[in-house]
N, C-alpha and C. Protein backbone atom coordinates (compact mmCIF):
# COMPACT_ATOMS: atom_id res chain seq x y z
N MET A 1 -33.30 9.43 -34.44
CA MET A 1 -34.71 9.89 -34.21
C MET A 1 -35.70 8.64 -34.40
N THR A 2 -35.45 7.75 -35.35
CA THR A 2 -36.19 6.66 -35.65
C THR A 2 -36.31 5.64 -34.44
N TRP A 3 -35.11 5.45 -33.79
CA TRP A 3 -35.01 4.61 -32.69
C TRP A 3 -35.73 5.12 -31.58
N LEU A 4 -35.71 6.41 -31.39
CA LEU A 4 -36.49 7.10 -30.25
C LEU A 4 -37.96 6.77 -30.45
N LEU A 5 -38.57 6.93 -31.62
CA LEU A 5 -39.89 6.69 -31.91
C LEU A 5 -40.19 5.23 -31.67
N LEU A 6 -39.49 4.42 -32.18
CA LEU A 6 -39.52 2.81 -31.88
C LEU A 6 -39.60 2.50 -30.55
N ALA A 7 -38.60 3.01 -29.59
CA ALA A 7 -38.56 2.88 -28.16
C ALA A 7 -39.93 3.33 -27.60
N ALA A 8 -40.42 4.52 -27.96
CA ALA A 8 -41.67 5.06 -27.44
C ALA A 8 -42.74 4.16 -27.71
N GLY A 9 -42.79 3.68 -29.01
CA GLY A 9 -43.88 2.76 -29.35
C GLY A 9 -43.85 1.50 -28.59
N LEU A 10 -42.60 0.81 -28.31
CA LEU A 10 -42.53 -0.28 -27.59
C LEU A 10 -42.98 -0.13 -26.04
N ILE A 11 -42.71 0.96 -25.63
CA ILE A 11 -43.11 1.31 -24.08
C ILE A 11 -44.62 1.40 -24.17
N LEU A 12 -45.28 2.10 -25.06
CA LEU A 12 -46.68 2.24 -25.11
C LEU A 12 -47.34 0.80 -25.27
N GLN A 13 -46.84 -0.02 -26.17
CA GLN A 13 -47.36 -1.38 -26.43
C GLN A 13 -47.31 -2.09 -25.17
N ALA A 14 -46.19 -2.15 -24.46
CA ALA A 14 -46.11 -2.87 -23.20
C ALA A 14 -47.07 -2.45 -22.22
N GLN A 15 -47.13 -1.07 -22.15
CA GLN A 15 -48.16 -0.60 -21.01
C GLN A 15 -49.61 -0.81 -21.41
N GLU A 16 -49.92 -0.87 -22.70
CA GLU A 16 -51.32 -1.23 -23.16
C GLU A 16 -51.55 -2.72 -22.92
N GLY A 17 -50.61 -3.56 -23.10
CA GLY A 17 -50.65 -4.89 -22.94
C GLY A 17 -50.88 -5.34 -21.42
N ALA A 18 -50.26 -4.57 -20.53
CA ALA A 18 -50.37 -4.70 -19.12
C ALA A 18 -51.69 -4.29 -18.55
N LYS A 19 -52.38 -3.33 -19.29
CA LYS A 19 -53.65 -2.83 -18.79
C LYS A 19 -54.74 -4.14 -18.94
N VAL A 20 -54.47 -5.00 -19.91
CA VAL A 20 -55.45 -6.17 -19.98
C VAL A 20 -55.28 -6.84 -18.60
N CYS A 21 -54.06 -7.03 -18.08
CA CYS A 21 -53.89 -7.71 -16.84
C CYS A 21 -54.53 -7.02 -15.70
N ALA A 22 -54.56 -5.68 -15.76
CA ALA A 22 -54.99 -4.88 -14.60
C ALA A 22 -56.41 -5.09 -14.32
N ALA A 23 -57.27 -5.61 -15.31
CA ALA A 23 -58.74 -5.84 -15.12
C ALA A 23 -58.92 -6.79 -13.88
N CYS A 24 -58.07 -7.77 -13.76
CA CYS A 24 -58.19 -8.78 -12.69
C CYS A 24 -57.08 -8.55 -11.46
N HIS A 25 -55.88 -8.08 -11.99
CA HIS A 25 -54.83 -7.99 -11.09
C HIS A 25 -54.51 -6.56 -10.73
N SER A 26 -55.37 -5.78 -10.27
CA SER A 26 -55.24 -4.28 -10.16
C SER A 26 -54.07 -4.08 -9.14
N ASP A 27 -53.93 -4.71 -8.02
CA ASP A 27 -52.84 -4.36 -7.14
C ASP A 27 -51.52 -4.47 -7.79
N PRO A 28 -51.12 -5.79 -8.34
CA PRO A 28 -49.87 -5.92 -8.92
C PRO A 28 -49.59 -4.92 -10.06
N PHE A 29 -50.69 -4.61 -10.89
CA PHE A 29 -50.49 -3.70 -11.89
C PHE A 29 -50.12 -2.22 -11.40
N GLU A 30 -50.85 -1.89 -10.37
CA GLU A 30 -50.49 -0.51 -9.63
C GLU A 30 -49.12 -0.49 -9.10
N GLU A 31 -48.54 -1.65 -8.58
CA GLU A 31 -47.25 -1.61 -8.11
C GLU A 31 -46.18 -1.61 -9.21
N LEU A 32 -46.55 -2.39 -10.34
CA LEU A 32 -45.69 -2.27 -11.57
C LEU A 32 -45.54 -1.05 -12.26
N GLN A 33 -46.57 -0.28 -12.30
CA GLN A 33 -46.62 1.07 -12.86
C GLN A 33 -45.66 2.00 -12.32
N LYS A 34 -45.46 1.86 -10.96
CA LYS A 34 -44.38 2.58 -10.20
C LYS A 34 -43.08 2.26 -10.27
N HIS A 35 -42.80 0.89 -10.79
CA HIS A 35 -41.59 0.29 -11.02
C HIS A 35 -40.74 0.88 -12.27
N LYS A 36 -39.39 1.14 -11.98
CA LYS A 36 -38.77 1.76 -13.15
C LYS A 36 -38.49 0.76 -14.38
N HIS A 37 -38.74 -0.59 -14.09
CA HIS A 37 -38.89 -1.49 -15.28
C HIS A 37 -40.18 -1.20 -16.05
N PHE A 38 -41.19 -0.70 -15.61
CA PHE A 38 -42.46 -0.46 -16.39
C PHE A 38 -42.13 0.68 -17.45
N ALA A 39 -41.38 1.56 -17.01
CA ALA A 39 -40.99 2.77 -17.88
C ALA A 39 -40.06 2.39 -19.02
N LYS A 40 -39.46 1.24 -18.91
CA LYS A 40 -38.44 0.71 -19.84
C LYS A 40 -39.17 -0.48 -20.67
N SER A 41 -40.42 -0.42 -20.68
CA SER A 41 -41.32 -1.36 -21.47
C SER A 41 -41.18 -2.76 -21.05
N ILE A 42 -40.90 -3.07 -19.84
CA ILE A 42 -40.92 -4.36 -19.17
C ILE A 42 -42.34 -4.47 -18.49
N SER A 43 -43.23 -5.39 -18.95
CA SER A 43 -44.47 -5.44 -18.46
C SER A 43 -44.82 -6.92 -18.11
N CYS A 44 -46.05 -7.24 -17.94
CA CYS A 44 -46.47 -8.47 -17.41
C CYS A 44 -45.83 -9.63 -18.34
N GLU A 45 -46.04 -9.39 -19.58
CA GLU A 45 -45.63 -10.54 -20.68
C GLU A 45 -44.12 -10.73 -20.62
N THR A 46 -43.29 -9.82 -20.25
CA THR A 46 -41.83 -10.06 -20.12
C THR A 46 -41.59 -11.30 -19.30
N CYS A 47 -42.38 -11.33 -18.17
CA CYS A 47 -42.10 -12.42 -17.13
C CYS A 47 -43.14 -13.55 -17.33
N HIS A 48 -44.32 -13.22 -17.71
CA HIS A 48 -45.43 -14.26 -17.75
C HIS A 48 -45.86 -14.72 -19.09
N GLY A 49 -45.07 -14.35 -20.09
CA GLY A 49 -45.49 -14.63 -21.43
C GLY A 49 -46.90 -14.09 -21.90
N ALA A 50 -47.30 -14.53 -23.18
CA ALA A 50 -48.53 -13.85 -23.60
C ALA A 50 -49.75 -14.27 -22.77
N SER A 51 -49.70 -15.54 -22.25
CA SER A 51 -50.58 -16.00 -21.30
C SER A 51 -52.17 -15.86 -22.00
N GLU A 52 -52.37 -16.16 -23.16
CA GLU A 52 -53.60 -16.10 -23.90
C GLU A 52 -54.68 -16.86 -23.09
N GLN A 53 -54.47 -18.17 -22.86
CA GLN A 53 -55.39 -19.00 -22.16
C GLN A 53 -55.74 -18.46 -20.86
N HIS A 54 -54.68 -17.93 -20.05
CA HIS A 54 -55.01 -17.30 -18.83
C HIS A 54 -55.86 -16.02 -18.99
N ARG A 55 -55.69 -15.18 -19.85
CA ARG A 55 -56.41 -14.04 -20.16
C ARG A 55 -57.85 -14.43 -20.62
N ASN A 56 -58.05 -15.51 -21.34
CA ASN A 56 -59.42 -15.74 -21.78
C ASN A 56 -60.23 -16.79 -20.98
N ALA A 57 -59.53 -17.25 -19.85
CA ALA A 57 -60.07 -18.25 -19.01
C ALA A 57 -61.12 -17.68 -18.09
N VAL A 58 -62.09 -18.38 -17.57
CA VAL A 58 -62.95 -17.99 -16.38
C VAL A 58 -62.61 -19.08 -15.38
N GLY A 59 -61.82 -18.54 -14.45
CA GLY A 59 -61.31 -19.64 -13.43
C GLY A 59 -59.74 -19.65 -13.23
N ALA A 60 -59.34 -20.71 -12.78
CA ALA A 60 -57.95 -20.77 -12.36
C ALA A 60 -57.06 -21.44 -13.49
N THR A 61 -56.73 -20.74 -14.49
CA THR A 61 -55.80 -21.16 -15.53
C THR A 61 -54.59 -20.28 -15.28
N PRO A 62 -53.33 -21.03 -15.12
CA PRO A 62 -52.24 -20.21 -14.74
C PRO A 62 -51.62 -19.50 -15.90
N PRO A 63 -50.94 -18.45 -15.69
CA PRO A 63 -50.22 -17.82 -16.88
C PRO A 63 -49.19 -18.71 -17.44
N ASP A 64 -48.66 -18.35 -18.64
CA ASP A 64 -47.76 -19.33 -19.42
C ASP A 64 -46.59 -19.67 -18.59
N LYS A 65 -46.09 -18.61 -17.81
CA LYS A 65 -44.84 -18.92 -16.91
C LYS A 65 -44.96 -18.03 -15.67
N VAL A 66 -44.38 -18.58 -14.58
CA VAL A 66 -44.16 -17.81 -13.38
C VAL A 66 -42.78 -18.27 -12.92
N ALA A 67 -41.84 -17.33 -13.01
CA ALA A 67 -40.46 -17.69 -12.72
C ALA A 67 -40.26 -18.18 -11.35
N ALA A 68 -39.80 -19.48 -11.26
CA ALA A 68 -39.41 -20.05 -9.88
C ALA A 68 -38.04 -19.47 -9.48
N PRO A 69 -37.81 -19.55 -8.23
CA PRO A 69 -36.63 -18.86 -7.76
C PRO A 69 -35.33 -19.39 -8.53
N ASP A 70 -35.21 -20.60 -9.02
CA ASP A 70 -33.97 -20.97 -9.73
C ASP A 70 -34.07 -20.48 -11.20
N GLN A 71 -35.22 -19.96 -11.58
CA GLN A 71 -35.38 -19.45 -13.01
C GLN A 71 -35.12 -17.91 -12.97
N GLN A 72 -35.25 -17.30 -11.82
CA GLN A 72 -35.05 -15.79 -11.81
C GLN A 72 -33.67 -15.41 -12.22
N PRO A 73 -32.61 -15.95 -11.71
CA PRO A 73 -31.11 -15.43 -12.21
C PRO A 73 -31.04 -15.38 -13.65
N ALA A 74 -31.49 -16.31 -14.32
CA ALA A 74 -31.55 -16.31 -15.94
C ALA A 74 -32.43 -15.13 -16.45
N LEU A 75 -33.73 -15.10 -15.91
CA LEU A 75 -34.65 -14.09 -16.39
C LEU A 75 -34.17 -12.78 -16.10
N CYS A 76 -33.96 -12.49 -14.78
CA CYS A 76 -33.43 -11.05 -14.50
C CYS A 76 -32.03 -10.86 -15.11
N GLY A 77 -31.12 -11.93 -15.26
CA GLY A 77 -29.83 -11.74 -15.62
C GLY A 77 -29.72 -11.43 -17.12
N ALA A 78 -30.77 -11.73 -17.86
CA ALA A 78 -30.83 -11.21 -19.23
C ALA A 78 -30.56 -9.79 -19.47
N CYS A 79 -31.12 -9.03 -18.56
CA CYS A 79 -30.96 -7.58 -18.60
C CYS A 79 -29.74 -7.09 -17.62
N HIS A 80 -29.58 -7.87 -16.56
CA HIS A 80 -28.58 -7.46 -15.65
C HIS A 80 -27.54 -8.52 -15.48
N PRO A 81 -26.75 -8.65 -16.58
CA PRO A 81 -25.69 -9.70 -16.63
C PRO A 81 -24.60 -9.46 -15.40
N ALA A 82 -24.28 -8.14 -15.20
CA ALA A 82 -23.27 -7.89 -14.13
C ALA A 82 -23.70 -8.29 -12.75
N GLN A 83 -24.94 -8.51 -12.49
CA GLN A 83 -25.33 -8.89 -11.26
C GLN A 83 -25.71 -10.31 -11.14
N ARG A 84 -25.91 -10.99 -12.33
CA ARG A 84 -26.14 -12.39 -12.46
C ARG A 84 -25.09 -13.28 -12.14
N LYS A 85 -23.91 -12.98 -12.67
CA LYS A 85 -22.75 -13.83 -12.46
C LYS A 85 -22.25 -13.96 -10.98
N PRO A 86 -22.16 -12.77 -10.24
CA PRO A 86 -21.80 -12.93 -8.92
C PRO A 86 -22.96 -13.46 -8.00
N PHE A 87 -24.18 -13.32 -8.44
CA PHE A 87 -25.30 -13.95 -7.61
C PHE A 87 -25.16 -15.38 -7.70
N GLU A 88 -24.98 -15.93 -8.98
CA GLU A 88 -24.91 -17.29 -9.13
C GLU A 88 -23.70 -18.01 -8.37
N SER A 89 -22.67 -17.33 -8.34
CA SER A 89 -21.54 -17.84 -7.54
C SER A 89 -21.67 -17.71 -6.08
N SER A 90 -22.59 -17.00 -5.57
CA SER A 90 -22.73 -16.67 -4.08
C SER A 90 -23.31 -18.00 -3.39
N LYS A 91 -23.31 -17.87 -2.16
CA LYS A 91 -23.93 -19.06 -1.25
C LYS A 91 -25.47 -19.06 -1.59
N HIS A 92 -26.05 -17.93 -1.54
CA HIS A 92 -27.59 -17.90 -1.88
C HIS A 92 -27.77 -18.39 -3.34
N GLY A 93 -27.04 -17.91 -4.29
CA GLY A 93 -27.24 -18.18 -5.68
C GLY A 93 -27.05 -19.89 -5.81
N GLN A 94 -26.04 -20.33 -5.20
CA GLN A 94 -25.84 -21.83 -5.46
C GLN A 94 -27.01 -22.68 -4.81
N LEU A 95 -27.49 -22.21 -3.64
CA LEU A 95 -28.60 -22.95 -3.08
C LEU A 95 -29.83 -22.78 -3.95
N VAL A 96 -30.11 -21.54 -4.48
CA VAL A 96 -31.16 -21.40 -5.33
C VAL A 96 -31.17 -22.30 -6.67
N LEU A 97 -29.96 -22.22 -7.24
CA LEU A 97 -29.85 -22.90 -8.57
C LEU A 97 -29.91 -24.40 -8.28
N ALA A 98 -29.49 -24.86 -7.15
CA ALA A 98 -29.60 -26.35 -6.85
C ALA A 98 -30.91 -26.73 -6.37
N LYS A 99 -31.89 -25.81 -6.29
CA LYS A 99 -33.22 -26.12 -5.87
C LYS A 99 -33.05 -26.88 -4.45
N SER A 100 -32.16 -26.26 -3.60
CA SER A 100 -31.96 -26.81 -2.39
C SER A 100 -33.27 -26.69 -1.31
N ARG A 101 -33.37 -27.69 -0.49
CA ARG A 101 -34.34 -27.54 0.62
C ARG A 101 -34.19 -26.44 1.51
N THR A 102 -32.93 -25.95 1.65
CA THR A 102 -32.50 -24.86 2.52
C THR A 102 -32.89 -23.63 1.59
N ARG A 103 -33.85 -22.94 2.23
CA ARG A 103 -34.38 -21.60 1.62
C ARG A 103 -33.24 -20.60 1.44
N ALA A 104 -33.34 -19.82 0.25
CA ALA A 104 -32.21 -18.93 0.03
C ALA A 104 -32.91 -17.91 -0.77
N ALA A 105 -32.25 -16.76 -0.76
CA ALA A 105 -32.86 -15.55 -1.38
C ALA A 105 -32.50 -15.54 -2.78
N SER A 106 -33.56 -15.29 -3.69
CA SER A 106 -33.49 -15.18 -5.06
C SER A 106 -33.60 -13.66 -5.50
N CYS A 107 -33.62 -13.39 -6.79
CA CYS A 107 -33.74 -11.98 -7.23
C CYS A 107 -35.02 -11.29 -6.57
N GLY A 108 -36.22 -12.00 -6.75
CA GLY A 108 -37.50 -11.43 -6.31
C GLY A 108 -37.51 -11.29 -4.79
N THR A 109 -36.75 -12.18 -4.09
CA THR A 109 -36.80 -12.06 -2.54
C THR A 109 -36.39 -10.69 -2.18
N CYS A 110 -35.29 -10.19 -2.69
CA CYS A 110 -34.73 -9.04 -2.27
C CYS A 110 -35.24 -7.88 -2.89
N HIS A 111 -35.43 -7.90 -4.22
CA HIS A 111 -35.77 -6.81 -5.06
C HIS A 111 -37.32 -6.71 -5.17
N GLY A 112 -38.04 -7.59 -4.70
CA GLY A 112 -39.60 -7.64 -5.04
C GLY A 112 -39.86 -8.04 -6.54
N VAL A 113 -41.00 -8.29 -6.69
CA VAL A 113 -41.41 -8.87 -7.88
C VAL A 113 -42.11 -7.79 -8.88
N HIS A 114 -43.29 -7.39 -8.33
CA HIS A 114 -44.03 -6.24 -9.11
C HIS A 114 -43.67 -4.91 -8.68
N SER A 115 -43.14 -4.76 -7.52
CA SER A 115 -42.64 -3.44 -7.00
C SER A 115 -41.12 -3.57 -6.47
N ALA A 116 -40.57 -2.55 -6.61
CA ALA A 116 -39.20 -2.64 -5.98
C ALA A 116 -39.13 -2.27 -4.50
N ARG A 117 -38.39 -3.04 -3.85
CA ARG A 117 -38.27 -2.97 -2.34
C ARG A 117 -37.13 -1.89 -2.07
N ASN A 118 -37.35 -0.98 -1.14
CA ASN A 118 -36.38 -0.07 -0.64
C ASN A 118 -35.43 -0.80 0.31
N ALA A 119 -34.44 -0.16 0.80
CA ALA A 119 -33.40 -0.73 1.67
C ALA A 119 -33.86 -1.23 2.96
N VAL A 120 -34.91 -0.56 3.60
CA VAL A 120 -35.47 -1.04 4.76
C VAL A 120 -36.29 -2.34 4.52
N ALA A 121 -37.05 -2.47 3.47
CA ALA A 121 -37.72 -3.70 3.14
C ALA A 121 -36.79 -4.86 2.78
N MET A 122 -35.70 -4.53 2.17
CA MET A 122 -34.66 -5.53 1.97
C MET A 122 -34.24 -6.08 3.27
N LEU A 123 -33.95 -5.33 4.24
CA LEU A 123 -33.29 -5.68 5.51
C LEU A 123 -34.25 -6.63 6.18
N ARG A 124 -35.62 -6.20 6.13
CA ARG A 124 -36.62 -7.00 6.74
C ARG A 124 -36.66 -8.44 6.05
N GLN A 125 -36.38 -8.41 4.79
CA GLN A 125 -36.27 -9.88 4.09
C GLN A 125 -35.16 -10.62 4.67
N CYS A 126 -34.07 -9.92 4.85
CA CYS A 126 -32.82 -10.64 5.33
C CYS A 126 -33.19 -11.18 6.78
N GLU A 127 -33.75 -10.35 7.53
CA GLU A 127 -34.08 -10.69 8.96
C GLU A 127 -35.09 -11.92 8.98
N ARG A 128 -35.75 -12.15 7.92
CA ARG A 128 -36.70 -13.35 7.97
C ARG A 128 -35.90 -14.60 8.16
N CYS A 129 -34.64 -14.69 7.56
CA CYS A 129 -33.91 -15.89 7.72
C CYS A 129 -32.68 -15.55 8.61
N HIS A 130 -32.26 -14.50 8.85
CA HIS A 130 -31.11 -14.03 9.59
C HIS A 130 -31.48 -13.20 10.73
N ALA A 131 -32.31 -13.62 11.61
CA ALA A 131 -32.91 -13.03 12.69
C ALA A 131 -31.81 -12.68 13.72
N ALA A 132 -30.92 -13.54 14.03
CA ALA A 132 -29.82 -13.25 14.93
C ALA A 132 -28.57 -12.86 14.23
N LEU A 133 -28.47 -11.58 14.21
CA LEU A 133 -27.37 -11.01 13.36
C LEU A 133 -26.10 -11.03 14.33
N PRO A 134 -24.87 -11.28 13.54
CA PRO A 134 -23.57 -11.34 14.32
C PRO A 134 -23.39 -10.00 15.05
N ALA A 135 -22.73 -10.09 16.07
CA ALA A 135 -22.30 -8.84 16.97
C ALA A 135 -21.73 -7.76 16.11
N ALA A 136 -20.83 -8.18 15.23
CA ALA A 136 -20.13 -7.14 14.47
C ALA A 136 -21.11 -6.45 13.52
N CYS A 137 -22.22 -7.09 13.06
CA CYS A 137 -23.05 -6.33 12.28
C CYS A 137 -23.92 -5.25 13.02
N LYS A 138 -24.31 -5.69 14.31
CA LYS A 138 -25.01 -4.89 15.16
C LYS A 138 -24.08 -3.67 15.64
N LYS A 139 -22.88 -3.84 15.85
CA LYS A 139 -21.94 -2.75 16.25
C LYS A 139 -21.72 -1.73 15.11
N GLU A 140 -21.42 -2.30 13.87
CA GLU A 140 -21.20 -1.47 12.90
C GLU A 140 -22.51 -0.74 12.41
N GLY A 141 -23.58 -1.44 12.46
CA GLY A 141 -24.92 -0.67 12.24
C GLY A 141 -25.22 0.39 13.22
N GLU A 142 -24.90 0.21 14.48
CA GLU A 142 -25.17 1.34 15.40
C GLU A 142 -24.25 2.44 15.20
N ALA A 143 -22.98 2.13 14.87
CA ALA A 143 -22.04 3.15 14.56
C ALA A 143 -22.44 4.01 13.43
N ALA A 144 -23.06 3.42 12.38
CA ALA A 144 -23.50 4.09 11.22
C ALA A 144 -24.78 4.82 11.40
N GLY A 145 -25.40 4.47 12.54
CA GLY A 145 -26.84 5.07 12.71
C GLY A 145 -27.96 4.21 12.16
N LYS A 146 -27.71 3.21 11.35
CA LYS A 146 -28.66 2.34 10.94
C LYS A 146 -28.18 0.98 10.44
N LEU A 147 -28.85 0.04 10.31
CA LEU A 147 -28.23 -1.23 10.03
C LEU A 147 -28.82 -1.63 8.57
N ILE A 148 -28.01 -1.62 7.73
CA ILE A 148 -28.36 -2.14 6.38
C ILE A 148 -27.41 -3.03 5.87
N CYS A 149 -27.75 -4.36 5.67
CA CYS A 149 -26.78 -5.39 5.13
C CYS A 149 -25.77 -4.94 4.08
N ALA A 150 -26.20 -4.08 3.00
CA ALA A 150 -25.52 -3.78 1.90
C ALA A 150 -24.36 -2.71 2.29
N THR A 151 -24.46 -2.18 3.40
CA THR A 151 -23.37 -1.30 3.93
C THR A 151 -22.03 -2.00 3.96
N CYS A 152 -22.14 -3.19 4.49
CA CYS A 152 -20.89 -3.96 4.52
C CYS A 152 -20.83 -5.26 3.67
N HIS A 153 -21.97 -5.65 3.14
CA HIS A 153 -21.93 -6.85 2.18
C HIS A 153 -22.19 -6.43 0.83
N ASP A 154 -21.65 -7.09 -0.17
CA ASP A 154 -22.01 -6.87 -1.47
C ASP A 154 -23.35 -7.28 -1.69
N PRO A 155 -24.31 -6.53 -2.27
CA PRO A 155 -25.74 -6.92 -2.30
C PRO A 155 -25.99 -8.21 -3.14
N HIS A 156 -25.02 -8.65 -4.05
CA HIS A 156 -25.34 -9.86 -4.85
C HIS A 156 -24.61 -11.03 -4.42
N THR A 157 -23.54 -10.91 -3.80
CA THR A 157 -22.76 -12.06 -3.32
C THR A 157 -22.90 -12.30 -1.83
N LEU A 158 -23.21 -11.11 -1.11
CA LEU A 158 -23.25 -11.02 0.28
C LEU A 158 -21.82 -11.14 0.81
N ALA A 159 -20.71 -11.06 0.11
CA ALA A 159 -19.48 -11.27 0.54
C ALA A 159 -19.10 -9.98 1.35
N ARG A 160 -18.43 -10.08 2.42
CA ARG A 160 -17.94 -8.93 3.14
C ARG A 160 -17.11 -7.83 2.38
N ARG A 161 -17.40 -6.59 2.28
CA ARG A 161 -16.68 -5.58 1.45
C ARG A 161 -15.47 -5.22 2.19
């Protein structure tokens, strides 16, 4: 019973802290409130730190941290270790972690940052770099009635299933 009260208190504390950010960042805050992470007490501070100087500034003072693509696997992987390892060993993960000039998808690219992307939005993200899909993808997508990359590819390694 005690842990339940503690968990509820942490969720309320995270939500109250995020309301401070909402004063200036209303759109990201609205999106975040709909995200399942918000209900699990993951708020602005989880990814951006306390950002006291940012909160008290009048002007362009950046938050304590903004996770770069190569930092996202560690940040997201802290809570999602089963997805972190396969992503880091994938072609996309290796490019991201190497800070390659070749653009590659990181956690936020596919899943969104403040709001979660649905399967159609994820497909659109894939198509930004992979506009010319292989014939096999088109054929299998047509047979299934829709084309979603994760139908045939592991979502974190993108290896063929």
